[in-house]
């Protein structure tokens, strides 16, 4: 779920300013922010569609929190190190015949 910050928010060790979009929240986290009037639900436009995955090389260049967020959106519990996360993403691409 995506939430647009209506106030300053700190989530998972990251600070978000007013207007920032927070992705990868579960339903209870998103509902809590909305009920506190700290955020509002938004639909993110302009992301690659799920049938157009990024390459392993592009994934490896992402920041750790971006890698974790992407893996969580693919229903993985993200590994703690970059090598493990790259292996997880590669495995997902293989499983979904999406190797690019």
PDB file of N, CA and C in Angstrom:
ATOM      1  N   UNK A   1       0.846  -1.179   0.000  1.00  0.00           N
ATOM      2  CA  UNK A   1       0.000   0.000   0.000  1.00  0.00           C
ATOM      3  C   UNK A   1       0.888   1.237   0.000  1.00  0.00           C
ATOM      4  N   UNK A   2       0.387   2.279  -0.642  1.00  0.00           N
ATOM      5  CA  UNK A   2       1.118   3.524  -0.713  1.00  0.00           C
ATOM      6  C   UNK A   2       0.370   4.611   0.041  1.00  0.00           C
ATOM      7  N   UNK A   3       1.150   5.367   0.792  1.00  0.00           N
ATOM      8  CA  UNK A   3       0.609   6.467   1.582  1.00  0.00           C
ATOM      9  C   UNK A   3       1.413   7.717   1.256  1.00  0.00           C
ATOM     10  N   UNK A   4       0.732   8.838   1.070  1.00  0.00           N
ATOM     11  CA  UNK A   4       1.417  10.120   0.933  1.00  0.00           C
ATOM     12  C   UNK A   4       1.467  10.759   2.309  1.00  0.00           C
ATOM     13  N   UNK A   5       2.660  11.178   2.724  1.00  0.00           N
ATOM     14  CA  UNK A   5       2.835  11.782   4.040  1.00  0.00           C
ATOM     15  C   UNK A   5       2.172  13.158   4.086  1.00  0.00           C
ATOM     16  N   UNK A   6       1.333  13.358   5.102  1.00  0.00           N
ATOM     17  CA  UNK A   6       0.700  14.654   5.332  1.00  0.00           C
ATOM     18  C   UNK A   6       1.415  15.408   6.447  1.00  0.00           C
ATOM     19  N   UNK A   7       2.344  14.726   7.095  1.00  0.00           N
ATOM     20  CA  UNK A   7       3.198  15.317   8.117  1.00  0.00           C
ATOM     21  C   UNK A   7       4.520  14.561   8.078  1.00  0.00           C
ATOM     22  N   UNK A   8       5.482  15.003   8.863  1.00  0.00           N
ATOM     23  CA  UNK A   8       6.745  14.272   8.913  1.00  0.00           C
ATOM     24  C   UNK A   8       6.493  12.905   9.534  1.00  0.00           C
ATOM     25  N   UNK A   9       7.067  11.865   8.919  1.00  0.00           N
ATOM     26  CA  UNK A   9       6.879  10.490   9.388  1.00  0.00           C
ATOM     27  C   UNK A   9       8.228   9.815   9.444  1.00  0.00           C
ATOM     28  N   UNK A  10       8.463   9.036  10.493  1.00  0.00           N
ATOM     29  CA  UNK A  10       9.646   8.183  10.574  1.00  0.00           C
ATOM     30  C   UNK A  10       9.136   6.746  10.586  1.00  0.00           C
ATOM     31  N   UNK A  11       9.551   5.959   9.581  1.00  0.00           N
ATOM     32  CA  UNK A  11       9.087   4.579   9.456  1.00  0.00           C
ATOM     33  C   UNK A  11      10.275   3.702   9.089  1.00  0.00           C
ATOM     34  N   UNK A  12      10.475   2.635   9.835  1.00  0.00           N
ATOM     35  CA  UNK A  12      11.584   1.698   9.599  1.00  0.00           C
ATOM     36  C   UNK A  12      12.922   2.416   9.486  1.00  0.00           C
ATOM     37  N   UNK A  13      13.142   3.392  10.342  1.00  0.00           N
ATOM     38  CA  UNK A  13      14.419   4.084  10.381  1.00  0.00           C
ATOM     39  C   UNK A  13      14.627   5.113   9.286  1.00  0.00           C
ATOM     40  N   UNK A  14      13.608   5.388   8.498  1.00  0.00           N
ATOM     41  CA  UNK A  14      13.728   6.360   7.410  1.00  0.00           C
ATOM     42  C   UNK A  14      12.760   7.508   7.660  1.00  0.00           C
ATOM     43  N   UNK A  15      13.241   8.731   7.414  1.00  0.00           N
ATOM     44  CA  UNK A  15      12.410   9.913   7.578  1.00  0.00           C
ATOM     45  C   UNK A  15      11.734  10.272   6.264  1.00  0.00           C
ATOM     46  N   UNK A  16      10.453  10.621   6.354  1.00  0.00           N
ATOM     47  CA  UNK A  16       9.679  11.031   5.197  1.00  0.00           C
ATOM     48  C   UNK A  16       9.155  12.445   5.446  1.00  0.00           C
ATOM     49  N   UNK A  17       9.279  13.297   4.434  1.00  0.00           N
ATOM     50  CA  UNK A  17       8.783  14.670   4.525  1.00  0.00           C
ATOM     51  C   UNK A  17       7.352  14.727   3.994  1.00  0.00           C
ATOM     52  N   UNK A  18       6.690  15.833   4.247  1.00  0.00           N
ATOM     53  CA  UNK A  18       5.343  16.040   3.727  1.00  0.00           C
ATOM     54  C   UNK A  18       5.377  15.907   2.204  1.00  0.00           C
ATOM     55  N   UNK A  19       4.475  15.095   1.672  1.00  0.00           N
ATOM     56  CA  UNK A  19       4.391  14.883   0.239  1.00  0.00           C
ATOM     57  C   UNK A  19       5.124  13.646  -0.251  1.00  0.00           C
ATOM     58  N   UNK A  20       6.023  13.086   0.567  1.00  0.00           N
ATOM     59  CA  UNK A  20       6.719  11.860   0.178  1.00  0.00           C
ATOM     60  C   UNK A  20       5.731  10.703   0.141  1.00  0.00           C
ATOM     61  N   UNK A  21       5.974   9.753  -0.749  1.00  0.00           N
ATOM     62  CA  UNK A  21       5.140   8.564  -0.840  1.00  0.00           C
ATOM     63  C   UNK A  21       5.874   7.409  -0.161  1.00  0.00           C
ATOM     64  N   UNK A  22       5.180   6.764   0.748  1.00  0.00           N
ATOM     65  CA  UNK A  22       5.733   5.621   1.477  1.00  0.00           C
ATOM     66  C   UNK A  22       5.100   4.369   0.883  1.00  0.00           C
ATOM     67  N   UNK A  23       5.942   3.478   0.366  1.00  0.00           N
ATOM     68  CA  UNK A  23       5.466   2.257  -0.271  1.00  0.00           C
ATOM     69  C   UNK A  23       5.777   1.052   0.593  1.00  0.00           C
ATOM     70  N   UNK A  24       5.105  -0.057   0.286  1.00  0.00           N
ATOM     71  CA  UNK A  24       5.418  -1.318   0.945  1.00  0.00           C
ATOM     72  C   UNK A  24       4.841  -1.469   2.338  1.00  0.00           C
ATOM     73  N   UNK A  25       3.893  -0.629   2.703  1.00  0.00           N
ATOM     74  CA  UNK A  25       3.263  -0.739   4.020  1.00  0.00           C
ATOM     75  C   UNK A  25       2.234  -1.856   3.998  1.00  0.00           C
ATOM     76  N   UNK A  26       2.114  -2.545   5.126  1.00  0.00           N
ATOM     77  CA  UNK A  26       1.021  -3.505   5.192  1.00  0.00           C
ATOM     78  C   UNK A  26      -0.260  -2.739   5.533  1.00  0.00           C
ATOM     79  N   UNK A  27      -1.375  -3.418   5.449  1.00  0.00           N
ATOM     80  CA  UNK A  27      -2.677  -2.758   5.608  1.00  0.00           C
ATOM     81  C   UNK A  27      -2.819  -2.069   6.964  1.00  0.00           C
ATOM     82  N   UNK A  28      -2.375  -2.721   8.039  1.00  0.00           N
ATOM     83  CA  UNK A  28      -2.535  -2.120   9.371  1.00  0.00           C
ATOM     84  C   UNK A  28      -1.664  -0.883   9.538  1.00  0.00           C
ATOM     85  N   UNK A  29      -0.440  -0.902   8.994  1.00  0.00           N
ATOM     86  CA  UNK A  29       0.437   0.275   9.074  1.00  0.00           C
ATOM     87  C   UNK A  29      -0.171   1.442   8.301  1.00  0.00           C
ATOM     88  N   UNK A  30      -0.661   1.156   7.099  1.00  0.00           N
ATOM     89  CA  UNK A  30      -1.252   2.202   6.271  1.00  0.00           C
ATOM     90  C   UNK A  30      -2.496   2.779   6.938  1.00  0.00           C
ATOM     91  N   UNK A  31      -3.362   1.919   7.439  1.00  0.00           N
ATOM     92  CA  UNK A  31      -4.587   2.387   8.101  1.00  0.00           C
ATOM     93  C   UNK A  31      -4.270   3.225   9.331  1.00  0.00           C
ATOM     94  N   UNK A  32      -3.237   2.852  10.062  1.00  0.00           N
ATOM     95  CA  UNK A  32      -2.850   3.601  11.259  1.00  0.00           C
ATOM     96  C   UNK A  32      -2.424   5.017  10.882  1.00  0.00           C
ATOM     97  N   UNK A  33      -1.580   5.153   9.847  1.00  0.00           N
ATOM     98  CA  UNK A  33      -1.139   6.482   9.422  1.00  0.00           C
ATOM     99  C   UNK A  33      -2.304   7.335   8.948  1.00  0.00           C
ATOM    100  N   UNK A  34      -3.250   6.728   8.241  1.00  0.00           N
ATOM    101  CA  UNK A  34      -4.419   7.469   7.771  1.00  0.00           C
ATOM    102  C   UNK A  34      -5.295   7.874   8.952  1.00  0.00           C
ATOM    103  N   UNK A  35      -5.500   6.970   9.905  1.00  0.00           N
ATOM    104  CA  UNK A  35      -6.350   7.298  11.057  1.00  0.00           C
ATOM    105  C   UNK A  35      -5.735   8.398  11.927  1.00  0.00           C
ATOM    106  N   UNK A  36      -4.392   8.468  11.949  1.00  0.00           N
ATOM    107  CA  UNK A  36      -3.707   9.527  12.699  1.00  0.00           C
ATOM    108  C   UNK A  36      -3.647  10.842  11.914  1.00  0.00           C
ATOM    109  N   UNK A  37      -4.186  10.802  10.688  1.00  0.00           N
ATOM    110  CA  UNK A  37      -4.153  11.948   9.777  1.00  0.00           C
ATOM    111  C   UNK A  37      -2.721  12.357   9.443  1.00  0.00           C
ATOM    112  N   UNK A  38      -1.807  11.385   9.489  1.00  0.00           N
ATOM    113  CA  UNK A  38      -0.413  11.617   9.108  1.00  0.00           C
ATOM    114  C   UNK A  38      -0.176  11.284   7.643  1.00  0.00           C
ATOM    115  N   UNK A  39      -1.141  10.600   7.021  1.00  0.00           N
ATOM    116  CA  UNK A  39      -0.984  10.214   5.624  1.00  0.00           C
ATOM    117  C   UNK A  39      -2.322   9.981   4.975  1.00  0.00           C
ATOM    118  N   UNK A  40      -2.286   9.882   3.645  1.00  0.00           N
ATOM    119  CA  UNK A  40      -3.504   9.565   2.890  1.00  0.00           C
ATOM    120  C   UNK A  40      -3.147   8.528   1.837  1.00  0.00           C
ATOM    121  N   UNK A  41      -4.113   7.697   1.497  1.00  0.00           N
ATOM    122  CA  UNK A  41      -3.897   6.670   0.489  1.00  0.00           C
ATOM    123  C   UNK A  41      -3.694   7.325  -0.874  1.00  0.00           C
ATOM    124  N   UNK A  42      -2.740   6.803  -1.627  1.00  0.00           N
ATOM    125  CA  UNK A  42      -2.503   7.271  -2.986  1.00  0.00           C
ATOM    126  C   UNK A  42      -2.224   6.080  -3.879  1.00  0.00           C
ATOM    127  N   UNK A  43      -2.442   6.294  -5.169  1.00  0.00           N
ATOM    128  CA  UNK A  43      -2.093   5.291  -6.155  1.00  0.00           C
ATOM    129  C   UNK A  43      -0.861   5.810  -6.879  1.00  0.00           C
ATOM    130  N   UNK A  44       0.216   5.042  -6.847  1.00  0.00           N
ATOM    131  CA  UNK A  44       1.457   5.473  -7.473  1.00  0.00           C
ATOM    132  C   UNK A  44       1.356   5.252  -8.970  1.00  0.00           C
ATOM    133  N   UNK A  45       1.613   6.302  -9.725  1.00  0.00           N
ATOM    134  CA  UNK A  45       1.551   6.261 -11.176  1.00  0.00           C
ATOM    135  C   UNK A  45       2.975   6.355 -11.712  1.00  0.00           C
ATOM    136  N   UNK A  46       3.247   5.619 -12.777  1.00  0.00           N
ATOM    137  CA  UNK A  46       4.541   5.733 -13.413  1.00  0.00           C
ATOM    138  C   UNK A  46       5.523   4.646 -13.040  1.00  0.00           C
ATOM    139  N   UNK A  47       5.164   3.739 -12.164  1.00  0.00           N
ATOM    140  CA  UNK A  47       6.037   2.622 -11.855  1.00  0.00           C
ATOM    141  C   UNK A  47       5.971   1.623 -13.002  1.00  0.00           C
ATOM    142  N   UNK A  48       7.025   0.816 -13.121  1.00  0.00           N
ATOM    143  CA  UNK A  48       6.997  -0.228 -14.139  1.00  0.00           C
ATOM    144  C   UNK A  48       5.902  -1.222 -13.777  1.00  0.00           C
ATOM    145  N   UNK A  49       5.165  -1.693 -14.744  1.00  0.00           N
ATOM    146  CA  UNK A  49       4.154  -2.701 -14.445  1.00  0.00           C
ATOM    147  C   UNK A  49       4.818  -3.986 -13.956  1.00  0.00           C
ATOM    148  N   UNK A  50       4.086  -4.795 -13.182  1.00  0.00           N
ATOM    149  CA  UNK A  50       4.681  -6.000 -12.628  1.00  0.00           C
ATOM    150  C   UNK A  50       5.200  -6.965 -13.686  1.00  0.00           C
ATOM    151  N   UNK A  51       4.689  -6.894 -14.919  1.00  0.00           N
ATOM    152  CA  UNK A  51       5.165  -7.810 -15.941  1.00  0.00           C
ATOM    153  C   UNK A  51       6.425  -7.285 -16.631  1.00  0.00           C
ATOM    154  N   UNK A  52       6.977  -6.182 -16.152  1.00  0.00           N
ATOM    155  CA  UNK A  52       8.200  -5.609 -16.707  1.00  0.00           C
ATOM    156  C   UNK A  52       9.224  -5.437 -15.585  1.00  0.00           C
ATOM    157  N   UNK A  53       9.781  -6.548 -15.069  1.00  0.00           N
ATOM    158  CA  UNK A  53      10.688  -6.451 -13.926  1.00  0.00           C
ATOM    159  C   UNK A  53      12.017  -5.807 -14.309  1.00  0.00           C
ATOM    160  N   UNK A  54      12.677  -5.263 -13.304  1.00  0.00           N
ATOM    161  CA  UNK A  54      14.010  -4.706 -13.537  1.00  0.00           C
ATOM    162  C   UNK A  54      15.013  -5.846 -13.633  1.00  0.00           C
ATOM    163  N   UNK A  55      16.161  -5.559 -14.195  1.00  0.00           N
ATOM    164  CA  UNK A  55      17.196  -6.580 -14.334  1.00  0.00           C
ATOM    165  C   UNK A  55      17.889  -6.812 -12.996  1.00  0.00           C
ATOM    166  N   UNK A  56      18.618  -7.911 -12.901  1.00  0.00           N
ATOM    167  CA  UNK A  56      19.398  -8.199 -11.691  1.00  0.00           C
ATOM    168  C   UNK A  56      20.411  -7.084 -11.471  1.00  0.00           C
ATOM    169  N   UNK A  57      21.003  -6.585 -12.547  1.00  0.00           N
ATOM    170  CA  UNK A  57      21.997  -5.505 -12.434  1.00  0.00           C
ATOM    171  C   UNK A  57      21.353  -4.236 -11.879  1.00  0.00           C
ATOM    172  N   UNK A  58      20.149  -3.902 -12.362  1.00  0.00           N
ATOM    173  CA  UNK A  58      19.434  -2.735 -11.840  1.00  0.00           C
ATOM    174  C   UNK A  58      19.074  -2.949 -10.376  1.00  0.00           C
ATOM    175  N   UNK A  59      18.647  -4.166 -10.041  1.00  0.00           N
ATOM    176  CA  UNK A  59      18.298  -4.481  -8.657  1.00  0.00           C
ATOM    177  C   UNK A  59      19.512  -4.298  -7.751  1.00  0.00           C
ATOM    178  N   UNK A  60      20.671  -4.772  -8.191  1.00  0.00           N
ATOM    179  CA  UNK A  60      21.888  -4.698  -7.380  1.00  0.00           C
ATOM    180  C   UNK A  60      22.304  -3.254  -7.116  1.00  0.00           C
ATOM    181  N   UNK A  61      21.928  -2.327  -7.999  1.00  0.00           N
ATOM    182  CA  UNK A  61      22.291  -0.919  -7.838  1.00  0.00           C
ATOM    183  C   UNK A  61      21.355  -0.159  -6.898  1.00  0.00           C
ATOM    184  N   UNK A  62      20.220  -0.767  -6.550  1.00  0.00           N
ATOM    185  CA  UNK A  62      19.275  -0.110  -5.641  1.00  0.00           C
ATOM    186  C   UNK A  62      19.873  -0.007  -4.242  1.00  0.00           C
ATOM    187  N   UNK A  63      19.402   0.965  -3.480  1.00  0.00           N
ATOM    188  CA  UNK A  63      19.793   1.080  -2.068  1.00  0.00           C
ATOM    189  C   UNK A  63      19.191  -0.096  -1.316  1.00  0.00           C
ATOM    190  N   UNK A  64      19.788  -0.427  -0.182  1.00  0.00           N
ATOM    191  CA  UNK A  64      19.342  -1.586   0.602  1.00  0.00           C
ATOM    192  C   UNK A  64      17.851  -1.511   0.924  1.00  0.00           C
ATOM    193  N   UNK A  65      17.369  -0.338   1.366  1.00  0.00           N
ATOM    194  CA  UNK A  65      15.948  -0.243   1.726  1.00  0.00           C
ATOM    195  C   UNK A  65      15.044  -0.395   0.497  1.00  0.00           C
ATOM    196  N   UNK A  66      15.521   0.040  -0.672  1.00  0.00           N
ATOM    197  CA  UNK A  66      14.741  -0.133  -1.893  1.00  0.00           C
ATOM    198  C   UNK A  66      14.702  -1.609  -2.300  1.00  0.00           C
ATOM    199  N   UNK A  67      15.832  -2.309  -2.143  1.00  0.00           N
ATOM    200  CA  UNK A  67      15.861  -3.742  -2.428  1.00  0.00           C
ATOM    201  C   UNK A  67      14.898  -4.479  -1.516  1.00  0.00           C
ATOM    202  N   UNK A  68      14.941  -4.149  -0.224  1.00  0.00           N
ATOM    203  CA  UNK A  68      14.072  -4.821   0.746  1.00  0.00           C
ATOM    204  C   UNK A  68      12.602  -4.559   0.422  1.00  0.00           C
ATOM    205  N   UNK A  69      12.294  -3.318   0.076  1.00  0.00           N
ATOM    206  CA  UNK A  69      10.908  -2.966  -0.250  1.00  0.00           C
ATOM    207  C   UNK A  69      10.417  -3.749  -1.468  1.00  0.00           C
ATOM    208  N   UNK A  70      11.262  -3.852  -2.485  1.00  0.00           N
ATOM    209  CA  UNK A  70      10.889  -4.597  -3.686  1.00  0.00           C
ATOM    210  C   UNK A  70      10.688  -6.068  -3.366  1.00  0.00           C
ATOM    211  N   UNK A  71      11.606  -6.652  -2.604  1.00  0.00           N
ATOM    212  CA  UNK A  71      11.470  -8.066  -2.242  1.00  0.00           C
ATOM    213  C   UNK A  71      10.212  -8.306  -1.417  1.00  0.00           C
ATOM    214  N   UNK A  72       9.920  -7.405  -0.484  1.00  0.00           N
ATOM    215  CA  UNK A  72       8.710  -7.554   0.321  1.00  0.00           C
ATOM    216  C   UNK A  72       7.462  -7.458  -0.540  1.00  0.00           C
ATOM    217  N   UNK A  73       7.501  -6.627  -1.586  1.00  0.00           N
ATOM    218  CA  UNK A  73       6.350  -6.540  -2.483  1.00  0.00           C
ATOM    219  C   UNK A  73       6.177  -7.833  -3.281  1.00  0.00           C
ATOM    220  N   UNK A  74       7.267  -8.612  -3.388  1.00  0.00           N
ATOM    221  CA  UNK A  74       7.215  -9.906  -4.074  1.00  0.00           C
ATOM    222  C   UNK A  74       6.987 -11.047  -3.085  1.00  0.00           C
ATOM    223  N   UNK A  75       6.659 -10.676  -1.838  1.00  0.00           N
ATOM    224  CA  UNK A  75       6.339 -11.608  -0.754  1.00  0.00           C
ATOM    225  C   UNK A  75       7.539 -12.429  -0.289  1.00  0.00           C
ATOM    226  N   UNK A  76       8.716 -11.779  -0.261  1.00  0.00           N
ATOM    227  CA  UNK A  76       9.917 -12.368   0.311  1.00  0.00           C
ATOM    228  C   UNK A  76      10.215 -11.679   1.626  1.00  0.00           C
ATOM    229  N   UNK A  77      10.802 -12.412   2.567  1.00  0.00           N
ATOM    230  CA  UNK A  77      11.384 -11.775   3.736  1.00  0.00           C
ATOM    231  C   UNK A  77      12.822 -11.485   3.337  1.00  0.00           C
ATOM    232  N   UNK A  78      13.139 -10.216   3.138  1.00  0.00           N
ATOM    233  CA  UNK A  78      14.425  -9.814   2.564  1.00  0.00           C
ATOM    234  C   UNK A  78      15.596 -10.254   3.419  1.00  0.00           C
ATOM    235  N   UNK A  79      16.626 -10.763   2.753  1.00  0.00           N
ATOM    236  CA  UNK A  79      17.861 -11.164   3.423  1.00  0.00           C
ATOM    237  C   UNK A  79      18.542  -9.925   4.005  1.00  0.00           C
ATOM    238  N   UNK A  80      19.406 -10.138   4.985  1.00  0.00           N
ATOM    239  CA  UNK A  80      20.048  -9.012   5.652  1.00  0.00           C
ATOM    240  C   UNK A  80      21.235  -8.451   4.877  1.00  0.00           C
ATOM    241  N   UNK A  81      21.802  -9.223   3.937  1.00  0.00           N
ATOM    242  CA  UNK A  81      22.943  -8.708   3.178  1.00  0.00           C
ATOM    243  C   UNK A  81      22.594  -8.623   1.693  1.00  0.00           C
ATOM    244  N   UNK A  82      23.370  -7.795   0.986  1.00  0.00           N
ATOM    245  CA  UNK A  82      23.080  -7.530  -0.418  1.00  0.00           C
ATOM    246  C   UNK A  82      23.171  -8.793  -1.265  1.00  0.00           C
ATOM    247  N   UNK A  83      24.148  -9.652  -0.991  1.00  0.00           N
ATOM    248  CA  UNK A  83      24.293 -10.885  -1.777  1.00  0.00           C
ATOM    249  C   UNK A  83      23.054 -11.756  -1.659  1.00  0.00           C
ATOM    250  N   UNK A  84      22.529 -11.866  -0.445  1.00  0.00           N
ATOM    251  CA  UNK A  84      21.324 -12.666  -0.221  1.00  0.00           C
ATOM    252  C   UNK A  84      20.120 -12.086  -0.925  1.00  0.00           C
ATOM    253  N   UNK A  85      20.004 -10.748  -0.909  1.00  0.00           N
ATOM    254  CA  UNK A  85      18.870 -10.108  -1.577  1.00  0.00           C
ATOM    255  C   UNK A  85      18.951 -10.287  -3.092  1.00  0.00           C
ATOM    256  N   UNK A  86      20.163 -10.191  -3.649  1.00  0.00           N
ATOM    257  CA  UNK A  86      20.327 -10.395  -5.092  1.00  0.00           C
ATOM    258  C   UNK A  86      19.966 -11.832  -5.449  1.00  0.00           C
ATOM    259  N   UNK A  87      20.372 -12.793  -4.613  1.00  0.00           N
ATOM    260  CA  UNK A  87      20.010 -14.203  -4.845  1.00  0.00           C
ATOM    261  C   UNK A  87      18.493 -14.383  -4.806  1.00  0.00           C
ATOM    262  N   UNK A  88      17.836 -13.731  -3.846  1.00  0.00           N
ATOM    263  CA  UNK A  88      16.384 -13.844  -3.736  1.00  0.00           C
ATOM    264  C   UNK A  88      15.709 -13.281  -4.983  1.00  0.00           C
ATOM    265  N   UNK A  89      16.170 -12.122  -5.442  1.00  0.00           N
ATOM    266  CA  UNK A  89      15.561 -11.507  -6.616  1.00  0.00           C
ATOM    267  C   UNK A  89      15.798 -12.364  -7.852  1.00  0.00           C
ATOM    268  N   UNK A  90      17.013 -12.891  -7.983  1.00  0.00           N
ATOM    269  CA  UNK A  90      17.327 -13.772  -9.115  1.00  0.00           C
ATOM    270  C   UNK A  90      16.429 -15.004  -9.090  1.00  0.00           C
ATOM    271  N   UNK A  91      16.223 -15.575  -7.900  1.00  0.00           N
ATOM    272  CA  UNK A  91      15.347 -16.743  -7.770  1.00  0.00           C
ATOM    273  C   UNK A  91      13.918 -16.389  -8.179  1.00  0.00           C
ATOM    274  N   UNK A  92      13.450 -15.199  -7.784  1.00  0.00           N
ATOM    275  CA  UNK A  92      12.097 -14.777  -8.166  1.00  0.00           C
ATOM    276  C   UNK A  92      11.993 -14.664  -9.690  1.00  0.00           C
ATOM    277  N   UNK A  93      13.014 -14.043 -10.314  1.00  0.00           N
ATOM    278  CA  UNK A  93      12.992 -13.930 -11.772  1.00  0.00           C
ATOM    279  C   UNK A  93      12.944 -15.309 -12.427  1.00  0.00           C
ATOM    280  N   UNK A  94      13.759 -16.233 -11.913  1.00  0.00           N
ATOM    281  CA  UNK A  94      13.782 -17.600 -12.462  1.00  0.00           C
ATOM    282  C   UNK A  94      12.420 -18.279 -12.305  1.00  0.00           C
ATOM    283  N   UNK A  95      11.826 -18.173 -11.120  1.00  0.00           N
ATOM    284  CA  UNK A  95      10.540 -18.818 -10.835  1.00  0.00           C
ATOM    285  C   UNK A  95       9.424 -18.290 -11.725  1.00  0.00           C
ATOM    286  N   UNK A  96       9.533 -17.038 -12.067  1.00  0.00           N
ATOM    287  CA  UNK A  96       8.472 -16.396 -12.848  1.00  0.00           C
ATOM    288  C   UNK A  96       8.829 -16.270 -14.324  1.00  0.00           C
ATOM    289  N   UNK A  97       9.850 -17.016 -14.728  1.00  0.00           N
ATOM    290  CA  UNK A  97      10.301 -16.985 -16.127  1.00  0.00           C
ATOM    291  C   UNK A  97      10.460 -15.559 -16.626  1.00  0.00           C
ATOM    292  N   UNK A  98      10.988 -14.710 -15.762  1.00  0.00           N
ATOM    293  CA  UNK A  98      11.100 -13.301 -16.099  1.00  0.00           C
ATOM    294  C   UNK A  98      12.547 -12.847 -16.187  1.00  0.00           C
ATOM    295  N   UNK A  99      13.466 -13.798 -16.313  1.00  0.00           N
ATOM    296  CA  UNK A  99      14.880 -13.435 -16.335  1.00  0.00           C
ATOM    297  C   UNK A  99      15.138 -12.482 -17.486  1.00  0.00           C
ATOM    298  N   UNK A 100      15.636 -11.317 -17.112  1.00  0.00           N
ATOM    299  CA  UNK A 100      15.894 -10.257 -18.104  1.00  0.00           C
ATOM    300  C   UNK A 100      17.367  -9.951 -18.168  1.00  0.00           C
TER     301      UNK A 100
END
